[in-house]
All heavy atoms as atom14 arrays in JSON, in Angstrom:
{
  "sequence": "PKFTTRIVHPYGVFDYEGSLYLYGYCELRKEIRFFKFLRINKYEILKD",
  "atom14_mask": [
    [1, 1, 1, 1, 1, 1, 1, 0, 0, 0, 0, 0, 0, 0],
    [1, 1, 1, 1, 1, 1, 1, 1, 1, 0, 0, 0, 0, 0],
    [1, 1, 1, 1, 1, 1, 1, 1, 1, 1, 1, 0, 0, 0],
    [1, 1, 1, 1, 1, 1, 1, 0, 0, 0, 0, 0, 0, 0],
    [1, 1, 1, 1, 1, 1, 1, 0, 0, 0, 0, 0, 0, 0],
    [1, 1, 1, 1, 1, 1, 1, 1, 1, 1, 1, 0, 0, 0],
    [1, 1, 1, 1, 1, 1, 1, 1, 0, 0, 0, 0, 0, 0],
    [1, 1, 1, 1, 1, 1, 1, 0, 0, 0, 0, 0, 0, 0],
    [1, 1, 1, 1, 1, 1, 1, 1, 1, 1, 0, 0, 0, 0],
    [1, 1, 1, 1, 1, 1, 1, 0, 0, 0, 0, 0, 0, 0],
    [1, 1, 1, 1, 1, 1, 1, 1, 1, 1, 1, 1, 0, 0],
    [1, 1, 1, 1, 0, 0, 0, 0, 0, 0, 0, 0, 0, 0],
    [1, 1, 1, 1, 1, 1, 1, 0, 0, 0, 0, 0, 0, 0],
    [1, 1, 1, 1, 1, 1, 1, 1, 1, 1, 1, 0, 0, 0],
    [1, 1, 1, 1, 1, 1, 1, 1, 0, 0, 0, 0, 0, 0],
    [1, 1, 1, 1, 1, 1, 1, 1, 1, 1, 1, 1, 0, 0],
    [1, 1, 1, 1, 1, 1, 1, 1, 1, 0, 0, 0, 0, 0],
    [1, 1, 1, 1, 0, 0, 0, 0, 0, 0, 0, 0, 0, 0],
    [1, 1, 1, 1, 1, 1, 0, 0, 0, 0, 0, 0, 0, 0],
    [1, 1, 1, 1, 1, 1, 1, 1, 0, 0, 0, 0, 0, 0],
    [1, 1, 1, 1, 1, 1, 1, 1, 1, 1, 1, 1, 0, 0],
    [1, 1, 1, 1, 1, 1, 1, 1, 0, 0, 0, 0, 0, 0],
    [1, 1, 1, 1, 1, 1, 1, 1, 1, 1, 1, 1, 0, 0],
    [1, 1, 1, 1, 0, 0, 0, 0, 0, 0, 0, 0, 0, 0],
    [1, 1, 1, 1, 1, 1, 1, 1, 1, 1, 1, 1, 0, 0],
    [1, 1, 1, 1, 1, 1, 0, 0, 0, 0, 0, 0, 0, 0],
    [1, 1, 1, 1, 1, 1, 1, 1, 1, 0, 0, 0, 0, 0],
    [1, 1, 1, 1, 1, 1, 1, 1, 0, 0, 0, 0, 0, 0],
    [1, 1, 1, 1, 1, 1, 1, 1, 1, 1, 1, 0, 0, 0],
    [1, 1, 1, 1, 1, 1, 1, 1, 1, 0, 0, 0, 0, 0],
    [1, 1, 1, 1, 1, 1, 1, 1, 1, 0, 0, 0, 0, 0],
    [1, 1, 1, 1, 1, 1, 1, 1, 0, 0, 0, 0, 0, 0],
    [1, 1, 1, 1, 1, 1, 1, 1, 1, 1, 1, 0, 0, 0],
    [1, 1, 1, 1, 1, 1, 1, 1, 1, 1, 1, 0, 0, 0],
    [1, 1, 1, 1, 1, 1, 1, 1, 1, 1, 1, 0, 0, 0],
    [1, 1, 1, 1, 1, 1, 1, 1, 1, 0, 0, 0, 0, 0],
    [1, 1, 1, 1, 1, 1, 1, 1, 1, 1, 1, 0, 0, 0],
    [1, 1, 1, 1, 1, 1, 1, 1, 0, 0, 0, 0, 0, 0],
    [1, 1, 1, 1, 1, 1, 1, 1, 1, 1, 1, 0, 0, 0],
    [1, 1, 1, 1, 1, 1, 1, 1, 0, 0, 0, 0, 0, 0],
    [1, 1, 1, 1, 1, 1, 1, 1, 0, 0, 0, 0, 0, 0],
    [1, 1, 1, 1, 1, 1, 1, 1, 1, 0, 0, 0, 0, 0],
    [1, 1, 1, 1, 1, 1, 1, 1, 1, 1, 1, 1, 0, 0],
    [1, 1, 1, 1, 1, 1, 1, 1, 1, 0, 0, 0, 0, 0],
    [1, 1, 1, 1, 1, 1, 1, 1, 0, 0, 0, 0, 0, 0],
    [1, 1, 1, 1, 1, 1, 1, 1, 0, 0, 0, 0, 0, 0],
    [1, 1, 1, 1, 1, 1, 1, 1, 1, 0, 0, 0, 0, 0],
    [1, 1, 1, 1, 1, 1, 1, 1, 0, 0, 0, 0, 0, 0]
  ],
  "atom14_positions": [
    [[112.63, 122.57, 112.22], [112.99, 121.19, 111.73], [113.01, 120.29, 112.9], [113.45, 120.6, 114.01], [114.34, 121.38, 111.05], [114.97, 122.54, 111.7], [113.83, 123.48, 111.95], [0.0, 0.0, 0.0], [0.0, 0.0, 0.0], [0.0, 0.0, 0.0], [0.0, 0.0, 0.0], [0.0, 0.0, 0.0], [0.0, 0.0, 0.0], [0.0, 0.0, 0.0]],
    [[112.64, 119.03, 112.68], [112.68, 117.99, 113.66], [113.67, 116.87, 113.2], [113.58, 116.36, 112.25], [111.23, 117.32, 113.8], [111.15, 116.31, 114.89], [109.77, 115.75, 115.0], [109.63, 114.63, 116.08], [108.25, 114.12, 116.21], [0.0, 0.0, 0.0], [0.0, 0.0, 0.0], [0.0, 0.0, 0.0], [0.0, 0.0, 0.0], [0.0, 0.0, 0.0]],
    [[114.61, 116.65, 114.05], [115.64, 115.7, 113.78], [115.34, 114.3, 114.4], [115.13, 114.26, 115.55], [116.98, 116.13, 114.23], [117.45, 117.46, 113.52], [117.15, 118.67, 114.09], [118.05, 117.48, 112.33], [117.42, 119.87, 113.5], [118.46, 118.68, 111.7], [118.13, 119.85, 112.3], [0.0, 0.0, 0.0], [0.0, 0.0, 0.0], [0.0, 0.0, 0.0]],
    [[115.44, 113.27, 113.59], [115.19, 111.85, 114.04], [116.16, 110.92, 113.41], [116.65, 111.18, 112.35], [113.76, 111.37, 113.76], [113.54, 111.43, 112.3], [112.7, 112.19, 114.47], [0.0, 0.0, 0.0], [0.0, 0.0, 0.0], [0.0, 0.0, 0.0], [0.0, 0.0, 0.0], [0.0, 0.0, 0.0], [0.0, 0.0, 0.0], [0.0, 0.0, 0.0]],
    [[116.45, 109.84, 114.19], [117.43, 108.81, 113.61], [116.47, 107.65, 113.38], [115.68, 107.17, 114.15], [118.41, 108.46, 114.67], [119.3, 109.56, 115.0], [119.28, 107.25, 114.14], [0.0, 0.0, 0.0], [0.0, 0.0, 0.0], [0.0, 0.0, 0.0], [0.0, 0.0, 0.0], [0.0, 0.0, 0.0], [0.0, 0.0, 0.0], [0.0, 0.0, 0.0]],
    [[116.62, 107.13, 112.16], [115.75, 106.03, 111.66], [116.47, 104.88, 110.95], [117.53, 105.18, 110.41], [114.69, 106.56, 110.68], [113.89, 107.85, 111.13], [113.21, 108.49, 109.88], [112.51, 109.7, 110.38], [111.27, 109.89, 110.18], [110.52, 108.93, 109.68], [110.71, 111.02, 110.56], [0.0, 0.0, 0.0], [0.0, 0.0, 0.0], [0.0, 0.0, 0.0]],
    [[116.02, 103.71, 111.05], [116.46, 102.56, 110.37], [115.54, 102.36, 109.15], [114.37, 102.16, 109.28], [116.56, 101.3, 111.24], [117.38, 101.53, 112.48], [117.12, 100.13, 110.4], [118.79, 101.84, 112.27], [0.0, 0.0, 0.0], [0.0, 0.0, 0.0], [0.0, 0.0, 0.0], [0.0, 0.0, 0.0], [0.0, 0.0, 0.0], [0.0, 0.0, 0.0]],
    [[116.14, 102.42, 107.9], [115.3, 102.3, 106.74], [115.67, 101.08, 105.91], [117.0, 100.85, 105.76], [115.4, 103.65, 105.94], [114.68, 103.48, 104.57], [115.06, 104.81, 106.72], [0.0, 0.0, 0.0], [0.0, 0.0, 0.0], [0.0, 0.0, 0.0], [0.0, 0.0, 0.0], [0.0, 0.0, 0.0], [0.0, 0.0, 0.0], [0.0, 0.0, 0.0]],
    [[114.73, 100.44, 105.33], [115.02, 99.35, 104.34], [114.88, 100.02, 102.99], [113.8, 100.3, 102.56], [114.01, 98.25, 104.45], [113.83, 97.64, 105.82], [112.96, 96.62, 106.15], [114.41, 97.98, 106.99], [113.04, 96.31, 107.38], [113.93, 97.09, 107.97], [0.0, 0.0, 0.0], [0.0, 0.0, 0.0], [0.0, 0.0, 0.0], [0.0, 0.0, 0.0]],
    [[116.04, 100.36, 102.32], [116.03, 101.19, 101.07], [115.46, 100.26, 99.92], [116.09, 99.34, 99.5], [117.45, 101.55, 100.94], [118.27, 100.54, 101.58], [117.44, 100.04, 102.71], [0.0, 0.0, 0.0], [0.0, 0.0, 0.0], [0.0, 0.0, 0.0], [0.0, 0.0, 0.0], [0.0, 0.0, 0.0], [0.0, 0.0, 0.0], [0.0, 0.0, 0.0]],
    [[114.33, 100.64, 99.35], [113.79, 99.99, 98.14], [114.29, 100.57, 96.88], [114.43, 99.82, 95.93], [112.24, 100.0, 98.23], [111.58, 99.1, 99.29], [112.28, 98.41, 100.19], [110.16, 99.06, 99.32], [111.7, 97.63, 101.11], [109.6, 98.27, 100.32], [110.27, 97.57, 101.22], [109.71, 96.67, 102.09], [0.0, 0.0, 0.0], [0.0, 0.0, 0.0]],
    [[114.36, 101.91, 96.85], [114.79, 102.51, 95.53], [114.87, 103.99, 95.74], [114.67, 104.65, 96.89], [0.0, 0.0, 0.0], [0.0, 0.0, 0.0], [0.0, 0.0, 0.0], [0.0, 0.0, 0.0], [0.0, 0.0, 0.0], [0.0, 0.0, 0.0], [0.0, 0.0, 0.0], [0.0, 0.0, 0.0], [0.0, 0.0, 0.0], [0.0, 0.0, 0.0]],
    [[115.1, 104.72, 94.63], [115.25, 106.14, 94.52], [114.4, 106.67, 93.4], [114.25, 106.02, 92.34], [116.7, 106.63, 94.31], [116.88, 108.06, 94.09], [117.59, 106.17, 95.48], [0.0, 0.0, 0.0], [0.0, 0.0, 0.0], [0.0, 0.0, 0.0], [0.0, 0.0, 0.0], [0.0, 0.0, 0.0], [0.0, 0.0, 0.0], [0.0, 0.0, 0.0]],
    [[113.74, 107.75, 93.55], [113.01, 108.42, 92.5], [113.21, 109.94, 92.51], [113.67, 110.52, 93.46], [111.49, 108.11, 92.58], [110.83, 108.77, 93.78], [110.11, 109.94, 93.64], [110.79, 108.04, 94.91], [109.49, 110.51, 94.65], [110.07, 108.59, 96.05], [109.49, 109.84, 95.88], [0.0, 0.0, 0.0], [0.0, 0.0, 0.0], [0.0, 0.0, 0.0]],
    [[112.93, 110.49, 91.32], [113.07, 111.97, 91.18], [111.73, 112.65, 91.28], [110.87, 112.2, 90.54], [113.75, 112.28, 89.91], [114.03, 113.78, 89.68], [113.14, 114.43, 89.25], [115.18, 114.26, 89.95], [0.0, 0.0, 0.0], [0.0, 0.0, 0.0], [0.0, 0.0, 0.0], [0.0, 0.0, 0.0], [0.0, 0.0, 0.0], [0.0, 0.0, 0.0]],
    [[111.63, 113.79, 92.02], [110.47, 114.53, 92.09], [110.77, 115.99, 92.05], [111.52, 116.5, 92.9], [109.65, 114.2, 93.31], [108.33, 115.1, 93.39], [107.32, 114.98, 92.42], [108.24, 115.88, 94.45], [106.2, 115.69, 92.57], [107.07, 116.69, 94.57], [106.15, 116.59, 93.64], [104.86, 117.38, 93.76], [0.0, 0.0, 0.0], [0.0, 0.0, 0.0]],
    [[110.29, 116.68, 90.99], [110.58, 118.16, 90.79], [112.08, 118.53, 90.99], [112.49, 119.45, 91.7], [109.73, 118.95, 91.75], [108.2, 118.82, 91.49], [107.45, 119.7, 92.28], [107.92, 120.27, 93.32], [106.21, 120.08, 91.98], [0.0, 0.0, 0.0], [0.0, 0.0, 0.0], [0.0, 0.0, 0.0], [0.0, 0.0, 0.0], [0.0, 0.0, 0.0]],
    [[112.95, 117.67, 90.37], [114.4, 117.93, 90.35], [115.19, 117.54, 91.58], [116.29, 117.75, 91.69], [0.0, 0.0, 0.0], [0.0, 0.0, 0.0], [0.0, 0.0, 0.0], [0.0, 0.0, 0.0], [0.0, 0.0, 0.0], [0.0, 0.0, 0.0], [0.0, 0.0, 0.0], [0.0, 0.0, 0.0], [0.0, 0.0, 0.0], [0.0, 0.0, 0.0]],
    [[114.51, 116.82, 92.57], [115.14, 116.41, 93.83], [115.1, 114.88, 93.94], [114.01, 114.4, 93.53], [114.47, 117.11, 94.96], [114.75, 118.44, 95.06], [0.0, 0.0, 0.0], [0.0, 0.0, 0.0], [0.0, 0.0, 0.0], [0.0, 0.0, 0.0], [0.0, 0.0, 0.0], [0.0, 0.0, 0.0], [0.0, 0.0, 0.0], [0.0, 0.0, 0.0]],
    [[116.08, 114.29, 94.45], [116.18, 112.87, 94.61], [115.51, 112.51, 96.04], [115.76, 113.17, 97.01], [117.56, 112.32, 94.52], [118.19, 112.36, 93.13], [119.59, 111.8, 93.22], [117.34, 111.67, 92.1], [0.0, 0.0, 0.0], [0.0, 0.0, 0.0], [0.0, 0.0, 0.0], [0.0, 0.0, 0.0], [0.0, 0.0, 0.0], [0.0, 0.0, 0.0]],
    [[114.75, 111.38, 96.0], [114.13, 110.85, 97.22], [114.44, 109.32, 97.34], [114.37, 108.65, 96.36], [112.6, 110.97, 97.11], [112.12, 112.42, 97.29], [112.18, 113.25, 96.26], [111.6, 112.85, 98.53], [111.73, 114.66, 96.41], [111.19, 114.18, 98.66], [111.14, 115.02, 97.65], [110.72, 116.35, 97.8], [0.0, 0.0, 0.0], [0.0, 0.0, 0.0]],
    [[114.69, 108.95, 98.53], [114.85, 107.53, 98.86], [113.49, 107.08, 99.39], [112.84, 107.75, 100.14], [115.91, 107.36, 99.99], [115.92, 106.03, 100.71], [116.34, 104.89, 99.78], [116.81, 106.13, 101.92], [0.0, 0.0, 0.0], [0.0, 0.0, 0.0], [0.0, 0.0, 0.0], [0.0, 0.0, 0.0], [0.0, 0.0, 0.0], [0.0, 0.0, 0.0]],
    [[113.06, 105.91, 98.89], [111.82, 105.35, 99.51], [112.13, 103.96, 100.01], [112.84, 103.18, 99.47], [110.65, 105.35, 98.49], [110.69, 104.35, 97.37], [110.05, 103.13, 97.53], [111.41, 104.62, 96.2], [110.05, 102.21, 96.43], [111.51, 103.65, 95.18], [110.81, 102.4, 95.39], [110.88, 101.58, 94.32], [0.0, 0.0, 0.0], [0.0, 0.0, 0.0]],
    [[111.44, 103.69, 101.13], [111.66, 102.29, 101.71], [110.9, 102.19, 103.03], [110.24, 103.24, 103.51], [0.0, 0.0, 0.0], [0.0, 0.0, 0.0], [0.0, 0.0, 0.0], [0.0, 0.0, 0.0], [0.0, 0.0, 0.0], [0.0, 0.0, 0.0], [0.0, 0.0, 0.0], [0.0, 0.0, 0.0], [0.0, 0.0, 0.0], [0.0, 0.0, 0.0]],
    [[110.98, 101.04, 103.66], [110.23, 100.75, 104.91], [111.06, 101.42, 106.09], [112.21, 101.2, 106.24], [110.16, 99.3, 105.14], [109.44, 98.95, 106.43], [108.06, 99.0, 106.54], [110.1, 98.64, 107.61], [107.35, 98.7, 107.65], [109.51, 98.28, 108.75], [108.02, 98.34, 108.74], [107.39, 97.98, 109.97], [0.0, 0.0, 0.0], [0.0, 0.0, 0.0]],
    [[110.31, 102.27, 106.85], [110.85, 102.9, 108.0], [110.52, 102.23, 109.2], [109.35, 102.02, 109.56], [110.43, 104.47, 108.08], [110.87, 105.31, 109.53], [0.0, 0.0, 0.0], [0.0, 0.0, 0.0], [0.0, 0.0, 0.0], [0.0, 0.0, 0.0], [0.0, 0.0, 0.0], [0.0, 0.0, 0.0], [0.0, 0.0, 0.0], [0.0, 0.0, 0.0]],
    [[111.55, 101.67, 109.92], [111.16, 100.87, 111.15], [110.58, 101.83, 112.31], [109.85, 101.29, 113.15], [112.5, 100.22, 111.71], [113.06, 99.21, 110.74], [114.15, 98.33, 111.35], [114.54, 98.65, 112.51], [114.72, 97.37, 110.68], [0.0, 0.0, 0.0], [0.0, 0.0, 0.0], [0.0, 0.0, 0.0], [0.0, 0.0, 0.0], [0.0, 0.0, 0.0]],
    [[110.97, 103.12, 112.28], [110.41, 103.94, 113.27], [108.88, 104.2, 113.1], [108.05, 104.11, 114.06], [111.12, 105.33, 113.25], [110.56, 106.38, 114.23], [110.86, 105.97, 115.72], [111.25, 107.73, 113.91], [0.0, 0.0, 0.0], [0.0, 0.0, 0.0], [0.0, 0.0, 0.0], [0.0, 0.0, 0.0], [0.0, 0.0, 0.0], [0.0, 0.0, 0.0]],
    [[108.44, 104.37, 111.86], [107.06, 104.75, 111.51], [106.23, 103.46, 111.13], [105.09, 103.54, 111.03], [106.94, 105.71, 110.36], [107.68, 107.07, 110.61], [107.13, 107.73, 111.92], [107.77, 109.03, 112.19], [107.78, 109.67, 113.27], [107.06, 109.18, 114.36], [108.35, 110.86, 113.4], [0.0, 0.0, 0.0], [0.0, 0.0, 0.0], [0.0, 0.0, 0.0]],
    [[106.97, 102.36, 110.98], [106.25, 101.06, 110.64], [105.53, 101.14, 109.36], [104.48, 100.53, 109.23], [105.39, 100.57, 111.74], [106.0, 100.61, 113.19], [107.15, 99.59, 113.25], [107.66, 99.56, 114.66], [108.85, 98.68, 114.75], [0.0, 0.0, 0.0], [0.0, 0.0, 0.0], [0.0, 0.0, 0.0], [0.0, 0.0, 0.0], [0.0, 0.0, 0.0]],
    [[106.09, 101.88, 108.38], [105.39, 101.98, 107.05], [106.44, 102.48, 106.03], [107.5, 102.95, 106.38], [104.21, 102.88, 107.14], [104.53, 104.37, 107.51], [103.31, 105.22, 107.55], [102.18, 104.72, 107.36], [103.48, 106.4, 107.92], [0.0, 0.0, 0.0], [0.0, 0.0, 0.0], [0.0, 0.0, 0.0], [0.0, 0.0, 0.0], [0.0, 0.0, 0.0]],
    [[105.94, 102.5, 104.76], [106.82, 102.91, 103.72], [106.85, 104.52, 103.75], [105.86, 105.14, 103.86], [106.37, 102.55, 102.25], [106.18, 100.98, 102.21], [107.35, 103.08, 101.21], [107.45, 100.29, 102.28], [0.0, 0.0, 0.0], [0.0, 0.0, 0.0], [0.0, 0.0, 0.0], [0.0, 0.0, 0.0], [0.0, 0.0, 0.0], [0.0, 0.0, 0.0]],
    [[108.06, 105.05, 103.72], [108.18, 106.43, 103.8], [109.12, 107.04, 102.69], [109.92, 106.25, 102.19], [108.77, 106.92, 105.14], [107.67, 106.89, 106.31], [106.63, 107.87, 106.05], [105.69, 107.89, 107.2], [105.71, 108.8, 108.24], [106.54, 109.76, 108.17], [104.7, 108.74, 109.11], [0.0, 0.0, 0.0], [0.0, 0.0, 0.0], [0.0, 0.0, 0.0]],
    [[109.06, 108.33, 102.34], [110.0, 108.96, 101.41], [110.89, 109.9, 102.17], [110.42, 110.57, 103.06], [109.17, 109.79, 100.34], [108.13, 109.03, 99.61], [106.98, 109.71, 99.12], [108.26, 107.68, 99.34], [106.03, 108.99, 98.36], [107.33, 107.03, 98.61], [106.18, 107.64, 98.12], [0.0, 0.0, 0.0], [0.0, 0.0, 0.0], [0.0, 0.0, 0.0]],
    [[112.23, 109.87, 101.73], [113.17, 110.73, 102.39], [113.94, 111.5, 101.36], [114.59, 110.96, 100.55], [114.19, 109.86, 103.28], [113.51, 109.02, 104.28], [113.09, 107.67, 104.05], [113.19, 109.57, 105.49], [112.56, 106.88, 104.98], [112.49, 108.71, 106.53], [112.16, 107.45, 106.22], [0.0, 0.0, 0.0], [0.0, 0.0, 0.0], [0.0, 0.0, 0.0]],
    [[113.88, 112.78, 101.46], [114.59, 113.67, 100.5], [116.02, 113.63, 100.87], [116.52, 113.81, 102.01], [114.09, 115.11, 100.65], [114.5, 116.0, 99.55], [113.75, 117.3, 99.6], [114.03, 118.25, 98.43], [113.29, 119.62, 98.46], [0.0, 0.0, 0.0], [0.0, 0.0, 0.0], [0.0, 0.0, 0.0], [0.0, 0.0, 0.0], [0.0, 0.0, 0.0]],
    [[116.88, 113.4, 99.82], [118.34, 113.23, 99.95], [118.9, 114.47, 100.69], [119.74, 114.33, 101.55], [119.02, 113.1, 98.62], [119.11, 111.71, 98.14], [118.22, 110.75, 98.5], [120.06, 111.33, 97.19], [118.32, 109.39, 98.11], [120.18, 110.13, 96.76], [119.28, 109.12, 97.12], [0.0, 0.0, 0.0], [0.0, 0.0, 0.0], [0.0, 0.0, 0.0]],
    [[118.48, 115.69, 100.31], [119.05, 116.88, 100.87], [118.69, 117.06, 102.38], [119.35, 117.95, 103.02], [118.63, 118.12, 100.07], [119.08, 118.17, 98.59], [118.54, 119.38, 97.9], [120.63, 118.13, 98.65], [0.0, 0.0, 0.0], [0.0, 0.0, 0.0], [0.0, 0.0, 0.0], [0.0, 0.0, 0.0], [0.0, 0.0, 0.0], [0.0, 0.0, 0.0]],
    [[117.78, 116.3, 102.92], [117.49, 116.38, 104.34], [118.16, 115.29, 105.15], [117.83, 115.08, 106.37], [116.02, 116.46, 104.55], [115.37, 117.6, 103.91], [113.79, 117.66, 104.17], [113.24, 118.69, 103.23], [111.99, 118.64, 102.83], [111.24, 117.55, 103.02], [111.47, 119.64, 102.01], [0.0, 0.0, 0.0], [0.0, 0.0, 0.0], [0.0, 0.0, 0.0]],
    [[118.85, 114.37, 104.42], [119.61, 113.42, 105.2], [120.95, 113.94, 105.59], [121.79, 114.3, 104.88], [119.89, 112.1, 104.26], [118.55, 111.54, 103.87], [120.77, 111.14, 105.02], [118.76, 110.36, 102.84], [0.0, 0.0, 0.0], [0.0, 0.0, 0.0], [0.0, 0.0, 0.0], [0.0, 0.0, 0.0], [0.0, 0.0, 0.0], [0.0, 0.0, 0.0]],
    [[120.99, 114.14, 106.98], [122.26, 114.76, 107.47], [123.5, 113.82, 107.58], [124.57, 114.22, 107.32], [121.92, 115.37, 108.87], [120.73, 116.21, 108.81], [120.69, 117.28, 108.09], [119.7, 116.03, 109.65], [0.0, 0.0, 0.0], [0.0, 0.0, 0.0], [0.0, 0.0, 0.0], [0.0, 0.0, 0.0], [0.0, 0.0, 0.0], [0.0, 0.0, 0.0]],
    [[123.13, 112.6, 108.13], [124.19, 111.54, 108.21], [123.43, 110.21, 107.83], [122.31, 109.99, 108.02], [124.69, 111.53, 109.61], [125.45, 112.79, 110.11], [125.96, 112.56, 111.53], [126.69, 113.81, 112.04], [127.13, 113.64, 113.44], [0.0, 0.0, 0.0], [0.0, 0.0, 0.0], [0.0, 0.0, 0.0], [0.0, 0.0, 0.0], [0.0, 0.0, 0.0]],
    [[124.29, 109.24, 107.36], [123.79, 107.94, 107.12], [124.84, 106.92, 107.27], [126.13, 107.23, 107.16], [123.2, 107.97, 105.7], [124.21, 108.08, 104.56], [124.91, 106.97, 103.98], [124.58, 109.36, 104.1], [125.88, 107.16, 103.02], [125.5, 109.52, 103.11], [126.19, 108.45, 102.53], [127.05, 108.61, 101.54], [0.0, 0.0, 0.0], [0.0, 0.0, 0.0]],
    [[124.48, 105.7, 107.53], [125.4, 104.55, 107.73], [124.81, 103.3, 107.13], [123.67, 102.96, 107.43], [125.81, 104.39, 109.14], [126.76, 103.24, 109.35], [127.06, 102.95, 110.82], [126.53, 103.74, 111.69], [127.68, 101.91, 111.11], [0.0, 0.0, 0.0], [0.0, 0.0, 0.0], [0.0, 0.0, 0.0], [0.0, 0.0, 0.0], [0.0, 0.0, 0.0]],
    [[125.53, 102.62, 106.26], [124.99, 101.43, 105.68], [125.3, 100.25, 106.64], [126.48, 100.09, 107.02], [125.66, 101.1, 104.33], [125.31, 102.21, 103.34], [125.3, 99.79, 103.83], [126.08, 102.15, 102.03], [0.0, 0.0, 0.0], [0.0, 0.0, 0.0], [0.0, 0.0, 0.0], [0.0, 0.0, 0.0], [0.0, 0.0, 0.0], [0.0, 0.0, 0.0]],
    [[124.32, 99.59, 107.1], [124.43, 98.59, 108.12], [124.63, 97.21, 107.5], [124.33, 96.98, 106.35], [123.17, 98.55, 108.99], [122.77, 99.89, 109.69], [121.41, 99.73, 110.43], [123.88, 100.42, 110.55], [0.0, 0.0, 0.0], [0.0, 0.0, 0.0], [0.0, 0.0, 0.0], [0.0, 0.0, 0.0], [0.0, 0.0, 0.0], [0.0, 0.0, 0.0]],
    [[125.11, 96.28, 108.35], [125.38, 94.88, 107.81], [124.03, 94.08, 107.81], [123.91, 93.11, 107.11], [126.33, 94.17, 108.74], [127.73, 94.85, 108.63], [128.77, 94.04, 109.52], [130.16, 94.59, 109.43], [131.13, 93.91, 110.18], [0.0, 0.0, 0.0], [0.0, 0.0, 0.0], [0.0, 0.0, 0.0], [0.0, 0.0, 0.0], [0.0, 0.0, 0.0]],
    [[123.06, 94.58, 108.66], [121.76, 93.83, 108.72], [121.06, 93.86, 107.24], [121.03, 94.89, 106.65], [120.81, 94.54, 109.69], [121.42, 94.56, 111.08], [122.29, 93.65, 111.37], [121.04, 95.27, 111.97], [0.0, 0.0, 0.0], [0.0, 0.0, 0.0], [0.0, 0.0, 0.0], [0.0, 0.0, 0.0], [0.0, 0.0, 0.0], [0.0, 0.0, 0.0]]
  ]
}
């Protein structure tokens, strides 16, 4: 596994094969990405 810290603009959540995913704009990758909830180790809601 590869661990990275990312700033995400959360657009919404969807379900795929019984797992929840966050989708939104990733500032690190400069594009829309999907993030599986169970692979989010830590998170913080920012004021930005």
